[in-house]
PDB file of N, CA and C in Angstrom:
ATOM      1  N   THR A   1      26.995 -39.540 -53.076  1.00  0.00           N
ATOM      2  CA  THR A   1      26.616 -40.344 -54.390  1.00  0.00           C
ATOM      3  C   THR A   1      27.564 -41.571 -54.225  1.00  0.00           C
ATOM      4  N   SER A   2      27.439 -42.124 -55.349  1.00  0.00           N
ATOM      5  CA  SER A   2      28.400 -43.075 -55.951  1.00  0.00           C
ATOM      6  C   SER A   2      29.931 -42.547 -56.559  1.00  0.00           C
ATOM      7  N   ALA A   3      30.657 -42.993 -55.772  1.00  0.00           N
ATOM      8  CA  ALA A   3      32.040 -42.851 -56.229  1.00  0.00           C
ATOM      9  C   ALA A   3      32.510 -42.092 -57.669  1.00  0.00           C
ATOM     10  N   TYR A   4      32.168 -43.326 -58.278  1.00  0.00           N
ATOM     11  CA  TYR A   4      32.179 -43.042 -59.931  1.00  0.00           C
ATOM     12  C   TYR A   4      31.439 -42.166 -60.704  1.00  0.00           C
ATOM     13  N   HIS A   5      29.978 -41.502 -59.780  1.00  0.00           N
ATOM     14  CA  HIS A   5      29.081 -40.603 -60.322  1.00  0.00           C
ATOM     15  C   HIS A   5      29.531 -39.270 -59.670  1.00  0.00           C
ATOM     16  N   LEU A   6      30.464 -39.080 -58.893  1.00  0.00           N
ATOM     17  CA  LEU A   6      30.799 -38.108 -58.132  1.00  0.00           C
ATOM     18  C   LEU A   6      31.434 -37.206 -59.111  1.00  0.00           C
ATOM     19  N   PRO A   7      32.019 -36.999 -59.708  1.00  0.00           N
ATOM     20  CA  PRO A   7      32.696 -35.505 -60.725  1.00  0.00           C
ATOM     21  C   PRO A   7      31.369 -35.100 -61.290  1.00  0.00           C
ATOM     22  N   ARG A   8      30.641 -35.962 -61.936  1.00  0.00           N
ATOM     23  CA  ARG A   8      29.227 -35.151 -62.681  1.00  0.00           C
ATOM     24  C   ARG A   8      28.346 -34.608 -61.338  1.00  0.00           C
ATOM     25  N   ALA A   9      28.228 -35.312 -60.067  1.00  0.00           N
ATOM     26  CA  ALA A   9      27.191 -34.718 -59.344  1.00  0.00           C
ATOM     27  C   ALA A   9      27.821 -33.354 -58.860  1.00  0.00           C
ATOM     28  N   MET A  10      29.269 -33.354 -58.590  1.00  0.00           N
ATOM     29  CA  MET A  10      29.820 -32.190 -58.048  1.00  0.00           C
ATOM     30  C   MET A  10      29.504 -30.938 -58.630  1.00  0.00           C
ATOM     31  N   ARG A  11      29.838 -31.132 -60.369  1.00  0.00           N
ATOM     32  CA  ARG A  11      29.648 -30.227 -61.403  1.00  0.00           C
ATOM     33  C   ARG A  11      28.520 -29.793 -61.460  1.00  0.00           C
ATOM     34  N   SER A  12      27.474 -30.543 -61.090  1.00  0.00           N
ATOM     35  CA  SER A  12      25.981 -30.210 -61.217  1.00  0.00           C
ATOM     36  C   SER A  12      25.877 -29.459 -60.063  1.00  0.00           C
ATOM     37  N   PHE A  13      26.007 -29.614 -58.795  1.00  0.00           N
ATOM     38  CA  PHE A  13      25.750 -28.792 -57.826  1.00  0.00           C
ATOM     39  C   PHE A  13      26.462 -27.621 -57.874  1.00  0.00           C
ATOM     40  N   ARG A  14      27.409 -27.506 -58.324  1.00  0.00           N
ATOM     41  CA  ARG A  14      28.283 -26.146 -58.446  1.00  0.00           C
ATOM     42  C   ARG A  14      27.325 -25.129 -59.422  1.00  0.00           C
ATOM     43  N   ARG A  15      27.247 -25.837 -60.439  1.00  0.00           N
ATOM     44  CA  ARG A  15      26.233 -25.320 -61.764  1.00  0.00           C
ATOM     45  C   ARG A  15      25.066 -24.525 -61.008  1.00  0.00           C
ATOM     46  N   ALA A  16      24.758 -24.916 -59.803  1.00  0.00           N
ATOM     47  CA  ALA A  16      23.513 -24.940 -59.420  1.00  0.00           C
ATOM     48  C   ALA A  16      23.668 -23.616 -58.512  1.00  0.00           C
ATOM     49  N   GLY A  17      24.677 -23.291 -57.944  1.00  0.00           N
ATOM     50  CA  GLY A  17      25.322 -22.558 -57.052  1.00  0.00           C
ATOM     51  C   GLY A  17      25.375 -23.004 -55.512  1.00  0.00           C
ATOM     52  N   LEU A  18      25.690 -24.117 -55.472  1.00  0.00           N
ATOM     53  CA  LEU A  18      25.823 -24.631 -54.157  1.00  0.00           C
ATOM     54  C   LEU A  18      26.949 -25.074 -53.902  1.00  0.00           C
ATOM     55  N   GLU A  19      27.658 -25.288 -52.777  1.00  0.00           N
ATOM     56  CA  GLU A  19      29.052 -25.418 -52.788  1.00  0.00           C
ATOM     57  C   GLU A  19      29.256 -27.208 -51.913  1.00  0.00           C
ATOM     58  N   PRO A  20      28.941 -28.106 -52.283  1.00  0.00           N
ATOM     59  CA  PRO A  20      28.790 -29.657 -51.867  1.00  0.00           C
ATOM     60  C   PRO A  20      30.161 -30.032 -51.347  1.00  0.00           C
ATOM     61  N   THR A  21      29.719 -30.776 -50.439  1.00  0.00           N
ATOM     62  CA  THR A  21      31.221 -31.416 -49.904  1.00  0.00           C
ATOM     63  C   THR A  21      31.189 -33.038 -50.141  1.00  0.00           C
ATOM     64  N   ALA A  22      32.088 -33.421 -51.016  1.00  0.00           N
ATOM     65  CA  ALA A  22      32.616 -34.703 -51.890  1.00  0.00           C
ATOM     66  C   ALA A  22      32.466 -35.855 -50.590  1.00  0.00           C
ATOM     67  N   PHE A  23      31.596 -36.523 -50.854  1.00  0.00           N
ATOM     68  CA  PHE A  23      31.432 -37.849 -49.689  1.00  0.00           C
ATOM     69  C   PHE A  23      31.127 -38.990 -50.687  1.00  0.00           C
ATOM     70  N   PRO A  24      32.387 -39.746 -51.159  1.00  0.00           N
ATOM     71  CA  PRO A  24      31.846 -40.868 -51.918  1.00  0.00           C
ATOM     72  C   PRO A  24      31.642 -42.040 -51.392  1.00  0.00           C
ATOM     73  N   VAL A  25      30.902 -42.681 -51.620  1.00  0.00           N
ATOM     74  CA  VAL A  25      30.462 -44.315 -51.091  1.00  0.00           C
ATOM     75  C   VAL A  25      30.430 -45.248 -51.818  1.00  0.00           C
ATOM     76  N   ASP A  26      30.401 -46.377 -51.617  1.00  0.00           N
ATOM     77  CA  ASP A  26      30.534 -47.865 -52.602  1.00  0.00           C
ATOM     78  C   ASP A  26      31.431 -47.562 -53.797  1.00  0.00           C
ATOM     79  N   PRO A  27      32.812 -47.391 -53.113  1.00  0.00           N
ATOM     80  CA  PRO A  27      34.130 -47.272 -54.395  1.00  0.00           C
ATOM     81  C   PRO A  27      34.085 -48.678 -55.035  1.00  0.00           C
ATOM     82  N   LEU A  28      34.581 -48.631 -56.155  1.00  0.00           N
ATOM     83  CA  LEU A  28      34.735 -49.974 -56.916  1.00  0.00           C
ATOM     84  C   LEU A  28      36.125 -50.617 -57.218  1.00  0.00           C
ATOM     85  N   ALA A  29      37.012 -49.892 -56.268  1.00  0.00           N
ATOM     86  CA  ALA A  29      38.268 -50.734 -56.365  1.00  0.00           C
ATOM     87  C   ALA A  29      38.476 -51.246 -54.955  1.00  0.00           C
ATOM     88  N   ARG A  30      39.208 -52.508 -55.234  1.00  0.00           N
ATOM     89  CA  ARG A  30      39.124 -53.709 -54.171  1.00  0.00           C
ATOM     90  C   ARG A  30      40.627 -53.586 -54.055  1.00  0.00           C
ATOM     91  N   GLY A  31      40.806 -53.988 -52.804  1.00  0.00           N
ATOM     92  CA  GLY A  31      42.178 -53.919 -52.222  1.00  0.00           C
ATOM     93  C   GLY A  31      43.149 -55.173 -52.451  1.00  0.00           C
ATOM     94  N   HIS A  32      42.549 -56.250 -52.978  1.00  0.00           N
ATOM     95  CA  HIS A  32      43.354 -57.476 -53.578  1.00  0.00           C
ATOM     96  C   HIS A  32      42.993 -57.581 -54.909  1.00  0.00           C
ATOM     97  N   PHE A  33      44.595 -57.721 -55.270  1.00  0.00           N
ATOM     98  CA  PHE A  33      44.869 -57.714 -56.908  1.00  0.00           C
ATOM     99  C   PHE A  33      45.550 -59.207 -56.958  1.00  0.00           C
ATOM    100  N   SER A  34      45.440 -59.939 -58.143  1.00  0.00           N
ATOM    101  CA  SER A  34      46.346 -60.981 -58.193  1.00  0.00           C
ATOM    102  C   SER A  34      46.558 -60.985 -59.871  1.00  0.00           C
ATOM    103  N   TRP A  35      47.493 -61.909 -60.358  1.00  0.00           N
ATOM    104  CA  TRP A  35      47.314 -62.257 -61.686  1.00  0.00           C
ATOM    105  C   TRP A  35      46.525 -62.212 -62.726  1.00  0.00           C
ATOM    106  N   ASN A  36      45.246 -62.776 -61.889  1.00  0.00           N
ATOM    107  CA  ASN A  36      44.438 -62.985 -63.062  1.00  0.00           C
ATOM    108  C   ASN A  36      43.232 -61.554 -62.971  1.00  0.00           C
ATOM    109  N   SER A  37      43.768 -60.710 -62.137  1.00  0.00           N
ATOM    110  CA  SER A  37      42.854 -59.303 -62.038  1.00  0.00           C
ATOM    111  C   SER A  37      43.086 -58.611 -63.478  1.00  0.00           C
ATOM    112  N   TRP A  38      44.347 -58.650 -64.267  1.00  0.00           N
ATOM    113  CA  TRP A  38      44.649 -58.344 -65.553  1.00  0.00           C
ATOM    114  C   TRP A  38      43.735 -59.079 -66.804  1.00  0.00           C
ATOM    115  N   LEU A  39      43.036 -60.201 -66.420  1.00  0.00           N
ATOM    116  CA  LEU A  39      42.421 -60.825 -67.418  1.00  0.00           C
ATOM    117  C   LEU A  39      41.097 -60.040 -67.814  1.00  0.00           C
ATOM    118  N   PRO A  40      40.506 -59.807 -68.895  1.00  0.00           N
ATOM    119  CA  PRO A  40      39.098 -59.700 -69.457  1.00  0.00           C
ATOM    120  C   PRO A  40      38.126 -60.418 -68.378  1.00  0.00           C
ATOM    121  N   SER A  41      37.040 -60.182 -67.779  1.00  0.00           N
ATOM    122  CA  SER A  41      36.019 -60.865 -67.189  1.00  0.00           C
ATOM    123  C   SER A  41      34.777 -59.642 -67.349  1.00  0.00           C
ATOM    124  N   LEU A  42      33.841 -60.388 -67.196  1.00  0.00           N
ATOM    125  CA  LEU A  42      32.222 -60.089 -67.218  1.00  0.00           C
ATOM    126  C   LEU A  42      32.043 -58.606 -66.256  1.00  0.00           C
ATOM    127  N   GLY A  43      32.613 -58.819 -65.127  1.00  0.00           N
ATOM    128  CA  GLY A  43      32.840 -57.785 -64.213  1.00  0.00           C
ATOM    129  C   GLY A  43      33.485 -56.536 -64.570  1.00  0.00           C
ATOM    130  N   SER A  44      34.495 -56.618 -65.560  1.00  0.00           N
ATOM    131  CA  SER A  44      35.378 -55.426 -66.082  1.00  0.00           C
ATOM    132  C   SER A  44      34.834 -54.836 -66.954  1.00  0.00           C
ATOM    133  N   LEU A  45      33.901 -55.468 -67.770  1.00  0.00           N
ATOM    134  CA  LEU A  45      33.036 -54.944 -68.753  1.00  0.00           C
ATOM    135  C   LEU A  45      32.045 -53.943 -67.884  1.00  0.00           C
ATOM    136  N   GLN A  46      31.320 -54.579 -67.210  1.00  0.00           N
ATOM    137  CA  GLN A  46      30.500 -53.932 -66.524  1.00  0.00           C
ATOM    138  C   GLN A  46      31.029 -52.432 -65.777  1.00  0.00           C
ATOM    139  N   ILE A  47      32.081 -52.430 -65.410  1.00  0.00           N
ATOM    140  CA  ILE A  47      32.446 -51.500 -65.018  1.00  0.00           C
ATOM    141  C   ILE A  47      33.380 -50.314 -65.774  1.00  0.00           C
ATOM    142  N   ILE A  48      33.909 -50.974 -66.780  1.00  0.00           N
ATOM    143  CA  ILE A  48      33.706 -49.834 -68.356  1.00  0.00           C
ATOM    144  C   ILE A  48      32.666 -49.486 -68.653  1.00  0.00           C
ATOM    145  N   GLN A  49      31.652 -50.199 -68.901  1.00  0.00           N
ATOM    146  CA  GLN A  49      30.194 -49.709 -69.164  1.00  0.00           C
ATOM    147  C   GLN A  49      29.877 -48.431 -68.175  1.00  0.00           C
ATOM    148  N   VAL A  50      29.951 -48.683 -67.133  1.00  0.00           N
ATOM    149  CA  VAL A  50      29.676 -47.519 -65.998  1.00  0.00           C
ATOM    150  C   VAL A  50      30.537 -46.400 -66.364  1.00  0.00           C
ATOM    151  N   ALA A  51      32.125 -46.572 -66.416  1.00  0.00           N
ATOM    152  CA  ALA A  51      33.064 -45.131 -66.629  1.00  0.00           C
ATOM    153  C   ALA A  51      32.490 -44.338 -68.013  1.00  0.00           C
ATOM    154  N   TRP A  52      32.030 -45.438 -69.204  1.00  0.00           N
ATOM    155  CA  TRP A  52      31.783 -44.649 -70.441  1.00  0.00           C
ATOM    156  C   TRP A  52      30.575 -43.802 -70.189  1.00  0.00           C
ATOM    157  N   ARG A  53      29.361 -44.121 -69.532  1.00  0.00           N
ATOM    158  CA  ARG A  53      28.382 -43.710 -69.213  1.00  0.00           C
ATOM    159  C   ARG A  53      28.596 -42.162 -68.864  1.00  0.00           C
ATOM    160  N   GLU A  54      29.649 -42.346 -67.506  1.00  0.00           N
ATOM    161  CA  GLU A  54      29.695 -41.103 -66.740  1.00  0.00           C
ATOM    162  C   GLU A  54      30.700 -40.166 -67.831  1.00  0.00           C
ATOM    163  N   TYR A  55      31.641 -40.457 -68.577  1.00  0.00           N
ATOM    164  CA  TYR A  55      32.085 -39.822 -69.632  1.00  0.00           C
ATOM    165  C   TYR A  55      31.491 -39.068 -70.665  1.00  0.00           C
ATOM    166  N   LEU A  56      30.466 -40.300 -71.221  1.00  0.00           N
ATOM    167  CA  LEU A  56      29.635 -39.368 -72.028  1.00  0.00           C
ATOM    168  C   LEU A  56      28.492 -38.433 -71.582  1.00  0.00           C
ATOM    169  N   ALA A  57      28.318 -38.853 -70.158  1.00  0.00           N
ATOM    170  CA  ALA A  57      27.162 -37.326 -69.570  1.00  0.00           C
ATOM    171  C   ALA A  57      27.818 -36.457 -69.072  1.00  0.00           C
ATOM    172  N   LEU A  58      29.301 -36.325 -68.933  1.00  0.00           N
ATOM    173  CA  LEU A  58      30.125 -35.218 -68.775  1.00  0.00           C
ATOM    174  C   LEU A  58      30.332 -34.701 -69.823  1.00  0.00           C
ATOM    175  N   ALA A  59      30.468 -35.174 -71.118  1.00  0.00           N
ATOM    176  CA  ALA A  59      30.295 -34.312 -72.140  1.00  0.00           C
ATOM    177  C   ALA A  59      29.371 -34.050 -72.534  1.00  0.00           C
ATOM    178  N   PHE A  60      27.987 -34.637 -72.608  1.00  0.00           N
ATOM    179  CA  PHE A  60      26.816 -33.763 -72.634  1.00  0.00           C
ATOM    180  C   PHE A  60      26.530 -32.935 -72.334  1.00  0.00           C
ATOM    181  N   TYR A  61      26.885 -32.778 -70.806  1.00  0.00           N
ATOM    182  CA  TYR A  61      26.947 -31.773 -69.448  1.00  0.00           C
ATOM    183  C   TYR A  61      27.654 -30.578 -70.237  1.00  0.00           C
ATOM    184  N   SER A  62      28.778 -30.866 -70.759  1.00  0.00           N
ATOM    185  CA  SER A  62      29.828 -29.836 -71.248  1.00  0.00           C
ATOM    186  C   SER A  62      29.183 -28.987 -72.583  1.00  0.00           C
ATOM    187  N   LEU A  63      28.633 -30.100 -73.574  1.00  0.00           N
ATOM    188  CA  LEU A  63      27.809 -29.503 -74.482  1.00  0.00           C
ATOM    189  C   LEU A  63      26.632 -28.347 -74.491  1.00  0.00           C
ATOM    190  N   ARG A  64      25.792 -29.198 -73.155  1.00  0.00           N
ATOM    191  CA  ARG A  64      24.539 -28.144 -72.991  1.00  0.00           C
ATOM    192  C   ARG A  64      25.013 -26.948 -72.119  1.00  0.00           C
ATOM    193  N   GLY A  65      26.106 -26.574 -71.632  1.00  0.00           N
ATOM    194  CA  GLY A  65      26.773 -25.282 -70.878  1.00  0.00           C
ATOM    195  C   GLY A  65      26.045 -25.566 -69.454  1.00  0.00           C
ATOM    196  N   TRP A  66      25.726 -26.817 -68.869  1.00  0.00           N
ATOM    197  CA  TRP A  66      25.726 -27.270 -67.630  1.00  0.00           C
ATOM    198  C   TRP A  66      26.694 -27.220 -66.614  1.00  0.00           C
TER     199      TRP A  66
END
């Protein structure tokens, strides 16, 4: 599964009684950073949106007892 989705996927599989092996793909981290890496950009906002979605989904799963 996607690296950003891995915590939620692992939790879901464990709740289903399975013991998955984590193998993240398509990580969002890049190896090259420069001074402008710290400036806001459209790409950064898209990554933040993905992170918020995953945090909200984890909270929802916790509230539902999953």
